[in-house]
Amino acid sequence: MKEDSIVIGCGGHSRAILNLLIQETKSNVIKLYDLNEPDYSEVILGVPVIGVAADLLETPVDQNIKVYIAIGDNYLRHEWFEQLNKEGYTIGTLVSAQAMISLEVNIGLGTLICPLTFIGPESNIGHNTIINTSAIIEHEVRVGHSCHISPGGKISGRTKIGDRVFVGVGATVIDGINICDDVIVGAGAVVVNSINTPGTYVGVPAKLLKKFT
């Protein structure tokens, strides 16, 4: 019997979520909500957009239906995760069958592990996090909550990454690095020193471009 699912978000990330739900888990996606006023004529991978995401919070909670948060922005995804969790919704976790998951890996609630990713042994991936296509998470890494490791991102062993951290496409973090909460690592950057100040870091080696206030 197919599992009924609801997806929140109609941007690019929704395609990744819907593709895994339909192609791999064979879920029955019964509702697709946009964050903003939707185009009601829009159909994404065969699923019609039926309303605004805020409408979902006005309907009775059905714990037999899993909700998937298809929002790429870490902060927006964090807000929706907290709200849905508080209201008692069943939040879905998705791990692609094409991902390579090693022994003793912990994966948090609401997290998405995309195809062709590698997660090394004894790693911990937090709640509501995206490990995107072809990312590499090596052994004993801790990735926090509401993070996004972009396609081709490489996180070396025994690295600790805080919450709401974004690692851009093709960026590299060398082994044993600590990254605090609320950091953006730009595409292609190479992090060779621990980061203790929230902000945007770019370049090789990565340096602070803009401090968050």
Foldseek 3Di string as FASTA:
>chain_A
DAQEEEEEADDPLVLQVVCCNCPPRVHDDQAYAHQDADDQVDAHPNRGHDYHPVVVVVDDADQSYEYAYRDPQLVVLVVVVVVCVVNPHHHQEEAHPQEAEEPCEAAEGNEYHGHLEYAEPNEYEYHNEYEEANEYHYYNEYAYYSEYEYHLEYEDEPEYEYGSEYEEANEYEYPPEYEYPQAYEYHNEYDPHHHDFHAYWYDDPTDGDGGDD
